Structure formats: structure tokens, C-alpha cells
Amino acid sequence: MSAENSQGSSTTAFSRILSDGYAIVRLDLDEARRLAELYRESCEFFALETDRKLRYSVPNRVSGYRPHGYAHAGSPDKPDLNDSFLYWKRRRESLPHREEIDSYLDAAEAYRVVAAKITDDVVNAMCQYYEYEHELSYESASVLQVNSFAEPTDRELLQLEHEDAVLLTVISTSEEGLEGVFGGNPKSFDLAPDEVLVMPGSVMTLMTGGRVQPFFHQVRNHQHPERKSVMYFVSPDTDRPIEPFVRNETNEGVDIRALVIENPQEFFGLAEDFVTAEA
């Protein structure tokens, strides 16, 4: 799998998505440094006792720390075997006790900018490709999430096969385990420290009239107690109707805005106001 430099043509990653169903982007030195710093800060944060980590959470779990097994990938009786931290730029100031973890939040924001640039490249290329005449903003509805898989388990899959039900995800992993699923067959994606994978979700499928299919994936258990992953989940903002790039029978009558709001609850068992909550 070849990687493309994120400083290259803005059409490159989207072209890869059109041809391969995903894209691997190579970070430059500064971008890779920001990612490494976020991993370092994440290791320190997740090493804290659970009671301490819960200080940096909110009751509906839409921001900050989220306990082990809180979410699932389509099967509530088989939860994701990780805990996580969710960073929203717009919700930073409302996070409880945020001043105690400012260095962690700074690292999250520094890398979010990197993931947002990659997203900009893909979104701009899509708008150009489809001659899109509408504004497609996404920052308010998009979240950076860090997963930690520290608790030992014998379960074969730490996360079951799923797609992220967003426009796209920019993902990095610190250890092996991420697998794409193609026609029922898993394929390992062992990313280098300076590589990220751009995965389309079903919102992109609807936006492109079925041209781009969602990237189904899962996480295999290789017993790495320090395994972390970093995802930037990207969805279009919901302050206005979301117009598709293409209108056809695939998205006829579909309210994409409503799906962006409802998908987190329907697919992953998250709060009803996961996207829309103010705090």
C-alpha cells in the first residue's frame, strides 16, 4: 500500500478513495511530531486511575473521558473493549477541570489541525470533482477521539466489524490490529508512525449517490496493552440542510442532516445529542 504526502495534490487522497475505497496519507515531519506528542500525552492520561479520568467527563459522555465499554459497534451485548477521550474544539471550554489537562488538550488541538487539513484536501477535491455549489463546513460536527485498549481480554475482536457512519474518518494506530473488511475478508492495515488512513463512511456514500462505499473495518486483539488509536470523525455541520453531491435513487428522499444527528445513537449507542449538544 503506497502512501501519499499530504502536501501534494489536493485531489490525490480523494482519487485514491475513488479507485481503492480508502487512502493512506503520509504526514510531514511537523505533522508526525504533533501526532507523536498526542500519543505521548494520551499514554500519560490513560495511565491515570479511572476516578481521576472521570473528572474530565460530562454526564452524557459526548465530550472528554468515556469509560471502558461505553460504546459499541452495532451490538450492545459486545461493547468496544476500550475507553476513550473525545476532544471537540467547540466544547473545550466547557470540559470539567480542563485546566488540569491543558497540555493534553493542546496536543489534541495541535493534531486536530493536521487531521483537518487532510480533511480539507479531500472535501475540496470532492467539491471540485462534483462541481458542488453549496458550502460544506464540518468543524462543528467533527470530533477527535483517542481510544485506549489497555484492559486485557481474550476476545478475538476488540471492536466488531462496522463502518463509522460519518463522511470520513482520519485514523492513526500505534500498534497492529486495524483491519479493513473486503467481501467478508479481513485485510490488515499496519500504519507507520507517519501514516494515517482516510476511510469513507456511509454519509459519503449518500453524498456521492452510492459512488463511494463505506469502509468496513474491525480491530483484532493482538494483546498489545499499550495500543492506542486516534480518529478524527468528520461529519458535515448540521446548522443547515446538507445537500448531496449527486442526486439519484440512492439518496432520493433521504435527509442527510438527520442521519448525521441520529447515526451516533443508532449505530454506536451514543447520546441522542452527541452532535448537537452545546456541552
C-alpha atoms as a PDB file:
ATOM      1  CA  MET A   1       0.000   0.000   0.000  1.00  0.00           C
ATOM      2  CA  SER A   2       1.622   3.202  -1.103  1.00  0.00           C
ATOM      3  CA  ALA A   3       1.362   6.418   0.885  1.00  0.00           C
ATOM      4  CA  GLU A   4       0.822   9.878  -0.486  1.00  0.00           C
ATOM      5  CA  ASN A   5       2.353  13.020   1.008  1.00  0.00           C
ATOM      6  CA  SER A   6      -0.307  15.316   2.436  1.00  0.00           C
ATOM      7  CA  GLN A   7       1.482  18.289   0.913  1.00  0.00           C
ATOM      8  CA  GLY A   8       0.872  17.001  -2.604  1.00  0.00           C
ATOM      9  CA  SER A   9      -2.093  17.497  -4.928  1.00  0.00           C
ATOM     10  CA  SER A  10      -5.361  18.021  -3.075  1.00  0.00           C
ATOM     11  CA  THR A  11      -7.014  15.539  -5.438  1.00  0.00           C
ATOM     12  CA  THR A  12      -4.663  12.679  -4.554  1.00  0.00           C
ATOM     13  CA  ALA A  13      -6.389  11.319  -1.434  1.00  0.00           C
ATOM     14  CA  PHE A  14      -9.862  11.594  -2.961  1.00  0.00           C
ATOM     15  CA  SER A  15      -8.615   9.949  -6.160  1.00  0.00           C
ATOM     16  CA  ARG A  16      -7.368   7.056  -4.035  1.00  0.00           C
ATOM     17  CA  ILE A  17     -10.735   6.815  -2.322  1.00  0.00           C
ATOM     18  CA  LEU A  18     -12.466   6.669  -5.715  1.00  0.00           C
ATOM     19  CA  SER A  19     -10.121   3.962  -7.026  1.00  0.00           C
ATOM     20  CA  ASP A  20      -9.352   1.916  -3.892  1.00  0.00           C
ATOM     21  CA  GLY A  21     -12.076   2.768  -1.406  1.00  0.00           C
ATOM     22  CA  TYR A  22      -9.611   4.377   1.034  1.00  0.00           C
ATOM     23  CA  ALA A  23      -6.453   6.490   1.038  1.00  0.00           C
ATOM     24  CA  ILE A  24      -3.214   6.363   3.017  1.00  0.00           C
ATOM     25  CA  VAL A  25      -1.645   9.769   3.620  1.00  0.00           C
ATOM     26  CA  ARG A  26       1.932  10.310   4.785  1.00  0.00           C
ATOM     27  CA  LEU A  27       2.465  13.145   7.267  1.00  0.00           C
ATOM     28  CA  ASP A  28       5.341  15.579   7.014  1.00  0.00           C
ATOM     29  CA  LEU A  29       7.873  15.861   9.880  1.00  0.00           C
ATOM     30  CA  ASP A  30       5.961  18.511  11.819  1.00  0.00           C
ATOM     31  CA  GLU A  31       2.633  16.723  11.384  1.00  0.00           C
ATOM     32  CA  ALA A  32       4.160  13.420  12.521  1.00  0.00           C
ATOM     33  CA  ARG A  33       5.683  15.199  15.540  1.00  0.00           C
ATOM     34  CA  ARG A  34       2.256  16.520  16.540  1.00  0.00           C
ATOM     35  CA  LEU A  35       0.778  13.040  16.287  1.00  0.00           C
ATOM     36  CA  ALA A  36       3.606  11.550  18.351  1.00  0.00           C
ATOM     37  CA  GLU A  37       3.096  14.216  21.022  1.00  0.00           C
ATOM     38  CA  LEU A  38      -0.604  13.383  21.199  1.00  0.00           C
ATOM     39  CA  TYR A  39       0.243   9.705  21.684  1.00  0.00           C
ATOM     40  CA  ARG A  40       2.686  10.626  24.460  1.00  0.00           C
ATOM     41  CA  GLU A  41       0.110  12.771  26.231  1.00  0.00           C
ATOM     42  CA  SER A  42      -2.527  10.061  25.740  1.00  0.00           C
ATOM     43  CA  CYS A  43      -0.343   7.428  27.379  1.00  0.00           C
ATOM     44  CA  GLU A  44       0.045   9.679  30.423  1.00  0.00           C
ATOM     45  CA  PHE A  45      -3.677  10.459  30.573  1.00  0.00           C
ATOM     46  CA  PHE A  46      -4.955   6.889  30.243  1.00  0.00           C
ATOM     47  CA  ALA A  47      -2.470   5.693  32.884  1.00  0.00           C
ATOM     48  CA  LEU A  48      -4.454   7.696  35.468  1.00  0.00           C
ATOM     49  CA  GLU A  49      -6.925   5.935  37.765  1.00  0.00           C
ATOM     50  CA  THR A  50     -10.468   5.758  36.385  1.00  0.00           C
ATOM     51  CA  ASP A  51     -11.892   8.027  39.103  1.00  0.00           C
ATOM     52  CA  ARG A  52      -9.360  10.675  38.148  1.00  0.00           C
ATOM     53  CA  LYS A  53     -10.136  10.374  34.438  1.00  0.00           C
ATOM     54  CA  LEU A  54     -13.845  10.723  35.133  1.00  0.00           C
ATOM     55  CA  ARG A  55     -13.178  14.238  36.430  1.00  0.00           C
ATOM     56  CA  TYR A  56     -12.738  15.183  32.774  1.00  0.00           C
ATOM     57  CA  SER A  57     -16.068  13.886  31.540  1.00  0.00           C
ATOM     58  CA  VAL A  58     -19.661  15.065  31.155  1.00  0.00           C
ATOM     59  CA  PRO A  59     -22.813  13.125  32.128  1.00  0.00           C
ATOM     60  CA  ASN A  60     -23.975  12.377  28.588  1.00  0.00           C
ATOM     61  CA  ARG A  61     -20.429  11.308  27.564  1.00  0.00           C
ATOM     62  CA  VAL A  62     -20.393  13.482  24.461  1.00  0.00           C
ATOM     63  CA  SER A  63     -17.095  15.102  25.456  1.00  0.00           C
ATOM     64  CA  GLY A  64     -13.971  14.284  27.428  1.00  0.00           C
ATOM     65  CA  TYR A  65     -13.361  10.904  29.027  1.00  0.00           C
ATOM     66  CA  ARG A  66     -15.616   7.945  28.230  1.00  0.00           C
ATOM     67  CA  PRO A  67     -15.277   4.735  30.309  1.00  0.00           C
ATOM     68  CA  HIS A  68     -14.300   1.270  29.111  1.00  0.00           C
ATOM     69  CA  GLY A  69     -17.037  -0.458  27.111  1.00  0.00           C
ATOM     70  CA  TYR A  70     -19.326   2.574  26.905  1.00  0.00           C
ATOM     71  CA  ALA A  71     -19.832   2.435  23.118  1.00  0.00           C
ATOM     72  CA  HIS A  72     -20.391  -0.463  20.754  1.00  0.00           C
ATOM     73  CA  ALA A  73     -20.079  -1.167  17.032  1.00  0.00           C
ATOM     74  CA  GLY A  74     -23.629  -2.302  16.349  1.00  0.00           C
ATOM     75  CA  SER A  75     -24.020  -4.946  19.066  1.00  0.00           C
ATOM     76  CA  PRO A  76     -24.789  -3.642  22.586  1.00  0.00           C
ATOM     77  CA  ASP A  77     -24.008  -7.061  24.094  1.00  0.00           C
ATOM     78  CA  LYS A  78     -20.468  -6.863  22.641  1.00  0.00           C
ATOM     79  CA  PRO A  79     -19.185  -3.399  23.533  1.00  0.00           C
ATOM     80  CA  ASP A  80     -15.955  -1.877  22.237  1.00  0.00           C
ATOM     81  CA  LEU A  81     -13.190  -3.056  24.556  1.00  0.00           C
ATOM     82  CA  ASN A  82     -11.571   0.317  25.072  1.00  0.00           C
ATOM     83  CA  ASP A  83     -12.026   3.553  26.928  1.00  0.00           C
ATOM     84  CA  SER A  84     -11.664   6.839  25.101  1.00  0.00           C
ATOM     85  CA  PHE A  85     -11.258  10.596  25.199  1.00  0.00           C
ATOM     86  CA  LEU A  86     -13.265  12.899  22.924  1.00  0.00           C
ATOM     87  CA  TYR A  87     -11.969  16.337  22.007  1.00  0.00           C
ATOM     88  CA  TRP A  88     -14.266  18.863  20.323  1.00  0.00           C
ATOM     89  CA  LYS A  89     -12.718  22.241  19.608  1.00  0.00           C
ATOM     90  CA  ARG A  90     -16.036  23.967  20.311  1.00  0.00           C
ATOM     91  CA  ARG A  91     -16.569  22.134  23.614  1.00  0.00           C
ATOM     92  CA  ARG A  92     -13.093  22.568  25.102  1.00  0.00           C
ATOM     93  CA  GLU A  93     -14.003  25.467  27.363  1.00  0.00           C
ATOM     94  CA  SER A  94     -16.944  23.593  28.902  1.00  0.00           C
ATOM     95  CA  LEU A  95     -14.963  20.450  29.817  1.00  0.00           C
ATOM     96  CA  PRO A  96     -14.853  19.994  33.609  1.00  0.00           C
ATOM     97  CA  HIS A  97     -11.461  20.688  35.229  1.00  0.00           C
ATOM     98  CA  ARG A  98      -9.951  21.306  31.790  1.00  0.00           C
ATOM     99  CA  GLU A  99      -7.165  23.460  33.252  1.00  0.00           C
ATOM    100  CA  GLU A 100      -5.712  20.314  34.860  1.00  0.00           C
ATOM    101  CA  ILE A 101      -5.165  18.672  31.476  1.00  0.00           C
ATOM    102  CA  ASP A 102      -4.398  21.693  29.293  1.00  0.00           C
ATOM    103  CA  SER A 103      -1.251  20.063  27.899  1.00  0.00           C
ATOM    104  CA  TYR A 104      -3.324  17.091  26.720  1.00  0.00           C
ATOM    105  CA  LEU A 105      -5.947  19.346  25.171  1.00  0.00           C
ATOM    106  CA  ASP A 106      -3.235  21.442  23.498  1.00  0.00           C
ATOM    107  CA  ALA A 107      -1.764  18.287  21.954  1.00  0.00           C
ATOM    108  CA  ALA A 108      -5.208  17.203  20.786  1.00  0.00           C
ATOM    109  CA  GLU A 109      -5.858  20.574  19.161  1.00  0.00           C
ATOM    110  CA  ALA A 110      -2.418  20.641  17.502  1.00  0.00           C
ATOM    111  CA  TYR A 111      -3.055  17.283  15.857  1.00  0.00           C
ATOM    112  CA  ARG A 112      -6.706  18.097  15.086  1.00  0.00           C
ATOM    113  CA  VAL A 113      -5.382  20.886  12.856  1.00  0.00           C
ATOM    114  CA  VAL A 114      -3.344  18.276  10.961  1.00  0.00           C
ATOM    115  CA  ALA A 115      -6.349  15.979  10.509  1.00  0.00           C
ATOM    116  CA  ALA A 116      -8.491  18.968   9.491  1.00  0.00           C
ATOM    117  CA  LYS A 117      -6.005  19.888   6.748  1.00  0.00           C
ATOM    118  CA  ILE A 118      -6.195  16.357   5.359  1.00  0.00           C
ATOM    119  CA  THR A 119      -9.982  16.617   5.540  1.00  0.00           C
ATOM    120  CA  ASP A 120      -9.919  19.973   3.759  1.00  0.00           C
ATOM    121  CA  ASP A 121      -7.901  18.438   0.932  1.00  0.00           C
ATOM    122  CA  VAL A 122     -10.420  15.619   0.492  1.00  0.00           C
ATOM    123  CA  VAL A 123     -13.529  17.813   0.838  1.00  0.00           C
ATOM    124  CA  ASN A 124     -12.181  20.466  -1.541  1.00  0.00           C
ATOM    125  CA  ALA A 125     -11.326  17.788  -4.101  1.00  0.00           C
ATOM    126  CA  MET A 126     -14.814  16.316  -3.788  1.00  0.00           C
ATOM    127  CA  CYS A 127     -16.437  19.717  -4.254  1.00  0.00           C
ATOM    128  CA  GLN A 128     -14.289  20.355  -7.331  1.00  0.00           C
ATOM    129  CA  TYR A 129     -14.907  16.890  -8.771  1.00  0.00           C
ATOM    130  CA  TYR A 130     -18.683  17.210  -8.426  1.00  0.00           C
ATOM    131  CA  GLU A 131     -18.823  20.965  -9.189  1.00  0.00           C
ATOM    132  CA  TYR A 132     -20.586  21.399  -5.866  1.00  0.00           C
ATOM    133  CA  GLU A 133     -22.292  24.776  -5.470  1.00  0.00           C
ATOM    134  CA  HIS A 134     -23.070  24.622  -1.737  1.00  0.00           C
ATOM    135  CA  GLU A 135     -20.997  25.303   1.340  1.00  0.00           C
ATOM    136  CA  LEU A 136     -19.782  22.130   3.066  1.00  0.00           C
ATOM    137  CA  SER A 137     -18.431  23.027   6.502  1.00  0.00           C
ATOM    138  CA  TYR A 138     -17.691  20.326   9.048  1.00  0.00           C
ATOM    139  CA  GLU A 139     -15.707  21.632  12.037  1.00  0.00           C
ATOM    140  CA  SER A 140     -18.647  21.968  14.444  1.00  0.00           C
ATOM    141  CA  ALA A 141     -19.890  18.390  13.878  1.00  0.00           C
ATOM    142  CA  SER A 142     -16.480  16.701  13.864  1.00  0.00           C
ATOM    143  CA  VAL A 143     -14.632  15.229  16.847  1.00  0.00           C
ATOM    144  CA  LEU A 144     -11.136  13.950  17.591  1.00  0.00           C
ATOM    145  CA  GLN A 145     -11.201  10.725  19.593  1.00  0.00           C
ATOM    146  CA  VAL A 146      -8.395   8.734  21.230  1.00  0.00           C
ATOM    147  CA  ASN A 147      -9.035   5.083  22.106  1.00  0.00           C
ATOM    148  CA  SER A 148      -7.033   3.097  24.659  1.00  0.00           C
ATOM    149  CA  PHE A 149      -7.100  -0.718  24.683  1.00  0.00           C
ATOM    150  CA  ALA A 150      -5.303  -1.341  27.981  1.00  0.00           C
ATOM    151  CA  GLU A 151      -7.617  -3.829  29.700  1.00  0.00           C
ATOM    152  CA  PRO A 152      -6.655  -7.478  28.963  1.00  0.00           C
ATOM    153  CA  THR A 153      -9.201  -9.684  27.220  1.00  0.00           C
ATOM    154  CA  ASP A 154      -9.287 -12.960  25.317  1.00  0.00           C
ATOM    155  CA  ARG A 155     -11.963 -11.757  22.890  1.00  0.00           C
ATOM    156  CA  GLU A 156     -10.793 -12.117  19.293  1.00  0.00           C
ATOM    157  CA  LEU A 157     -12.019  -8.693  18.185  1.00  0.00           C
ATOM    158  CA  LEU A 158     -11.670  -5.580  20.317  1.00  0.00           C
ATOM    159  CA  GLN A 159     -14.163  -3.852  18.017  1.00  0.00           C
ATOM    160  CA  LEU A 160     -16.586  -5.704  15.768  1.00  0.00           C
ATOM    161  CA  GLU A 161     -16.873  -5.087  12.033  1.00  0.00           C
ATOM    162  CA  HIS A 162     -18.504  -1.722  11.371  1.00  0.00           C
ATOM    163  CA  GLU A 163     -18.370   1.475   9.361  1.00  0.00           C
ATOM    164  CA  ASP A 164     -18.187   4.847  11.069  1.00  0.00           C
ATOM    165  CA  ALA A 165     -21.457   6.295   9.672  1.00  0.00           C
ATOM    166  CA  VAL A 166     -19.804   9.693   9.071  1.00  0.00           C
ATOM    167  CA  LEU A 167     -18.489  11.499   5.986  1.00  0.00           C
ATOM    168  CA  LEU A 168     -14.941  10.263   6.570  1.00  0.00           C
ATOM    169  CA  THR A 169     -12.519   9.238   9.311  1.00  0.00           C
ATOM    170  CA  VAL A 170      -8.817  10.067   9.510  1.00  0.00           C
ATOM    171  CA  ILE A 171      -7.280   7.306  11.658  1.00  0.00           C
ATOM    172  CA  SER A 172      -3.858   6.516  13.111  1.00  0.00           C
ATOM    173  CA  THR A 173      -2.920   3.478  15.216  1.00  0.00           C
ATOM    174  CA  SER A 174       0.050   2.883  17.498  1.00  0.00           C
ATOM    175  CA  GLU A 175       0.011  -0.916  17.157  1.00  0.00           C
ATOM    176  CA  GLU A 176      -1.283  -3.590  14.791  1.00  0.00           C
ATOM    177  CA  GLY A 177      -4.918  -4.649  14.912  1.00  0.00           C
ATOM    178  CA  LEU A 178      -6.798  -2.441  12.436  1.00  0.00           C
ATOM    179  CA  GLU A 179      -8.310  -4.499   9.639  1.00  0.00           C
ATOM    180  CA  GLY A 180     -10.331  -3.478   6.607  1.00  0.00           C
ATOM    181  CA  VAL A 181     -13.032  -5.972   5.643  1.00  0.00           C
ATOM    182  CA  PHE A 182     -13.465  -6.539   1.910  1.00  0.00           C
ATOM    183  CA  GLY A 183     -16.120  -9.023   0.789  1.00  0.00           C
ATOM    184  CA  GLY A 184     -16.034 -10.619   4.212  1.00  0.00           C
ATOM    185  CA  ASN A 185     -12.240 -10.992   4.139  1.00  0.00           C
ATOM    186  CA  PRO A 186     -10.120  -9.019   6.645  1.00  0.00           C
ATOM    187  CA  LYS A 187      -7.001  -7.203   5.471  1.00  0.00           C
ATOM    188  CA  SER A 188      -4.503  -5.838   7.979  1.00  0.00           C
ATOM    189  CA  PHE A 189      -3.603  -2.132   7.884  1.00  0.00           C
ATOM    190  CA  ASP A 190      -0.384  -1.717   9.851  1.00  0.00           C
ATOM    191  CA  LEU A 191       0.230   2.017   9.602  1.00  0.00           C
ATOM    192  CA  ALA A 192       3.659   3.569  10.050  1.00  0.00           C
ATOM    193  CA  PRO A 193       4.035   6.301  12.712  1.00  0.00           C
ATOM    194  CA  ASP A 194       3.844   8.952   9.966  1.00  0.00           C
ATOM    195  CA  GLU A 195       0.861   7.465   8.131  1.00  0.00           C
ATOM    196  CA  VAL A 196      -2.889   7.903   8.512  1.00  0.00           C
ATOM    197  CA  LEU A 197      -5.735   6.101   6.805  1.00  0.00           C
ATOM    198  CA  VAL A 198      -8.671   8.061   5.363  1.00  0.00           C
ATOM    199  CA  MET A 199     -11.818   5.929   5.500  1.00  0.00           C
ATOM    200  CA  PRO A 200     -15.119   6.944   3.854  1.00  0.00           C
ATOM    201  CA  GLY A 201     -18.341   6.410   5.794  1.00  0.00           C
ATOM    202  CA  SER A 202     -21.960   5.961   4.746  1.00  0.00           C
ATOM    203  CA  VAL A 203     -22.595   9.723   4.778  1.00  0.00           C
ATOM    204  CA  MET A 204     -20.094   9.951   1.913  1.00  0.00           C
ATOM    205  CA  THR A 205     -21.922   7.073   0.222  1.00  0.00           C
ATOM    206  CA  LEU A 206     -25.151   9.058   0.307  1.00  0.00           C
ATOM    207  CA  MET A 207     -23.431  12.308  -0.667  1.00  0.00           C
ATOM    208  CA  THR A 208     -21.900  10.662  -3.765  1.00  0.00           C
ATOM    209  CA  GLY A 209     -25.065   8.857  -4.808  1.00  0.00           C
ATOM    210  CA  GLY A 210     -23.549   5.470  -3.972  1.00  0.00           C
ATOM    211  CA  ARG A 211     -20.288   6.008  -5.859  1.00  0.00           C
ATOM    212  CA  VAL A 212     -18.095   5.714  -2.729  1.00  0.00           C
ATOM    213  CA  GLN A 213     -18.939   2.807  -0.452  1.00  0.00           C
ATOM    214  CA  PRO A 214     -18.286   2.866   3.310  1.00  0.00           C
ATOM    215  CA  PHE A 215     -15.038   1.346   4.551  1.00  0.00           C
ATOM    216  CA  PHE A 216     -15.900  -1.521   6.874  1.00  0.00           C
ATOM    217  CA  HIS A 217     -13.264  -2.309   9.476  1.00  0.00           C
ATOM    218  CA  GLN A 218     -12.624  -4.058  12.778  1.00  0.00           C
ATOM    219  CA  VAL A 219      -9.921  -4.282  15.432  1.00  0.00           C
ATOM    220  CA  ARG A 220      -8.223  -7.623  16.084  1.00  0.00           C
ATOM    221  CA  ASN A 221      -6.850  -8.416  19.514  1.00  0.00           C
ATOM    222  CA  HIS A 222      -3.055  -8.843  19.424  1.00  0.00           C
ATOM    223  CA  GLN A 223      -2.704  -8.407  23.191  1.00  0.00           C
ATOM    224  CA  HIS A 224      -0.932  -5.027  23.000  1.00  0.00           C
ATOM    225  CA  PRO A 225      -1.656  -3.408  26.398  1.00  0.00           C
ATOM    226  CA  GLU A 226      -0.379  -0.008  25.251  1.00  0.00           C
ATOM    227  CA  ARG A 227      -2.363   0.094  21.999  1.00  0.00           C
ATOM    228  CA  LYS A 228      -3.885   3.467  21.193  1.00  0.00           C
ATOM    229  CA  SER A 229      -5.693   4.817  18.151  1.00  0.00           C
ATOM    230  CA  VAL A 230      -6.541   8.366  17.113  1.00  0.00           C
ATOM    231  CA  MET A 231      -9.578   9.117  14.952  1.00  0.00           C
ATOM    232  CA  TYR A 232     -10.888  12.362  13.522  1.00  0.00           C
ATOM    233  CA  PHE A 233     -14.551  11.627  12.817  1.00  0.00           C
ATOM    234  CA  VAL A 234     -15.759  14.105  10.196  1.00  0.00           C
ATOM    235  CA  SER A 235     -19.413  14.945   9.587  1.00  0.00           C
ATOM    236  CA  PRO A 236     -20.969  17.936   7.793  1.00  0.00           C
ATOM    237  CA  ASP A 237     -22.230  20.658  10.102  1.00  0.00           C
ATOM    238  CA  THR A 238     -25.928  20.430  10.921  1.00  0.00           C
ATOM    239  CA  ASP A 239     -26.882  24.113  11.134  1.00  0.00           C
ATOM    240  CA  ARG A 240     -28.442  23.890   7.666  1.00  0.00           C
ATOM    241  CA  PRO A 241     -29.712  21.197   5.256  1.00  0.00           C
ATOM    242  CA  ILE A 242     -26.921  19.033   3.807  1.00  0.00           C
ATOM    243  CA  GLU A 243     -27.153  18.801   0.031  1.00  0.00           C
ATOM    244  CA  PRO A 244     -25.623  15.723  -1.665  1.00  0.00           C
ATOM    245  CA  PHE A 245     -23.011  15.969  -4.417  1.00  0.00           C
ATOM    246  CA  VAL A 246     -25.221  13.808  -6.639  1.00  0.00           C
ATOM    247  CA  ARG A 247     -28.972  13.244  -6.556  1.00  0.00           C
ATOM    248  CA  ASN A 248     -30.172   9.824  -7.686  1.00  0.00           C
ATOM    249  CA  GLU A 249     -32.228   6.859  -6.496  1.00  0.00           C
ATOM    250  CA  THR A 250     -29.621   6.075  -3.796  1.00  0.00           C
ATOM    251  CA  ASN A 251     -30.365   9.202  -1.782  1.00  0.00           C
ATOM    252  CA  GLU A 252     -33.846  10.075  -3.020  1.00  0.00           C
ATOM    253  CA  GLY A 253     -35.906  11.325  -0.070  1.00  0.00           C
ATOM    254  CA  VAL A 254     -33.014  10.942   2.380  1.00  0.00           C
ATOM    255  CA  ASP A 255     -32.415  13.700   4.927  1.00  0.00           C
ATOM    256  CA  ILE A 256     -28.635  13.562   5.293  1.00  0.00           C
ATOM    257  CA  ARG A 257     -28.649  16.161   8.054  1.00  0.00           C
ATOM    258  CA  ALA A 258     -30.986  13.989  10.142  1.00  0.00           C
ATOM    259  CA  LEU A 259     -28.722  10.989   9.654  1.00  0.00           C
ATOM    260  CA  VAL A 260     -25.644  12.905  10.816  1.00  0.00           C
ATOM    261  CA  ILE A 261     -27.529  13.727  14.019  1.00  0.00           C
ATOM    262  CA  GLU A 262     -29.087  10.278  14.553  1.00  0.00           C
ATOM    263  CA  ASN A 263     -26.306   7.923  13.404  1.00  0.00           C
ATOM    264  CA  PRO A 264     -24.222   8.065  16.633  1.00  0.00           C
ATOM    265  CA  GLN A 265     -27.160   6.819  18.688  1.00  0.00           C
ATOM    266  CA  GLU A 266     -28.416   4.281  16.137  1.00  0.00           C
ATOM    267  CA  PHE A 267     -25.085   2.691  15.242  1.00  0.00           C
ATOM    268  CA  PHE A 268     -22.971   3.080  18.381  1.00  0.00           C
ATOM    269  CA  GLY A 269     -25.318   3.553  21.332  1.00  0.00           C
ATOM    270  CA  LEU A 270     -24.229   7.146  21.990  1.00  0.00           C
ATOM    271  CA  ALA A 271     -26.285  10.052  23.318  1.00  0.00           C
ATOM    272  CA  GLU A 272     -29.158  11.418  21.222  1.00  0.00           C
ATOM    273  CA  ASP A 273     -27.487  14.844  21.238  1.00  0.00           C
ATOM    274  CA  PHE A 274     -23.983  13.567  20.553  1.00  0.00           C
ATOM    275  CA  VAL A 275     -23.540  16.014  17.651  1.00  0.00           C
ATOM    276  CA  THR A 276     -25.913  18.792  18.676  1.00  0.00           C
ATOM    277  CA  ALA A 277     -25.301  19.188  22.435  1.00  0.00           C
ATOM    278  CA  GLU A 278     -23.800  22.522  23.429  1.00  0.00           C
ATOM    279  CA  ALA A 279     -21.517  20.949  26.081  1.00  0.00           C
END
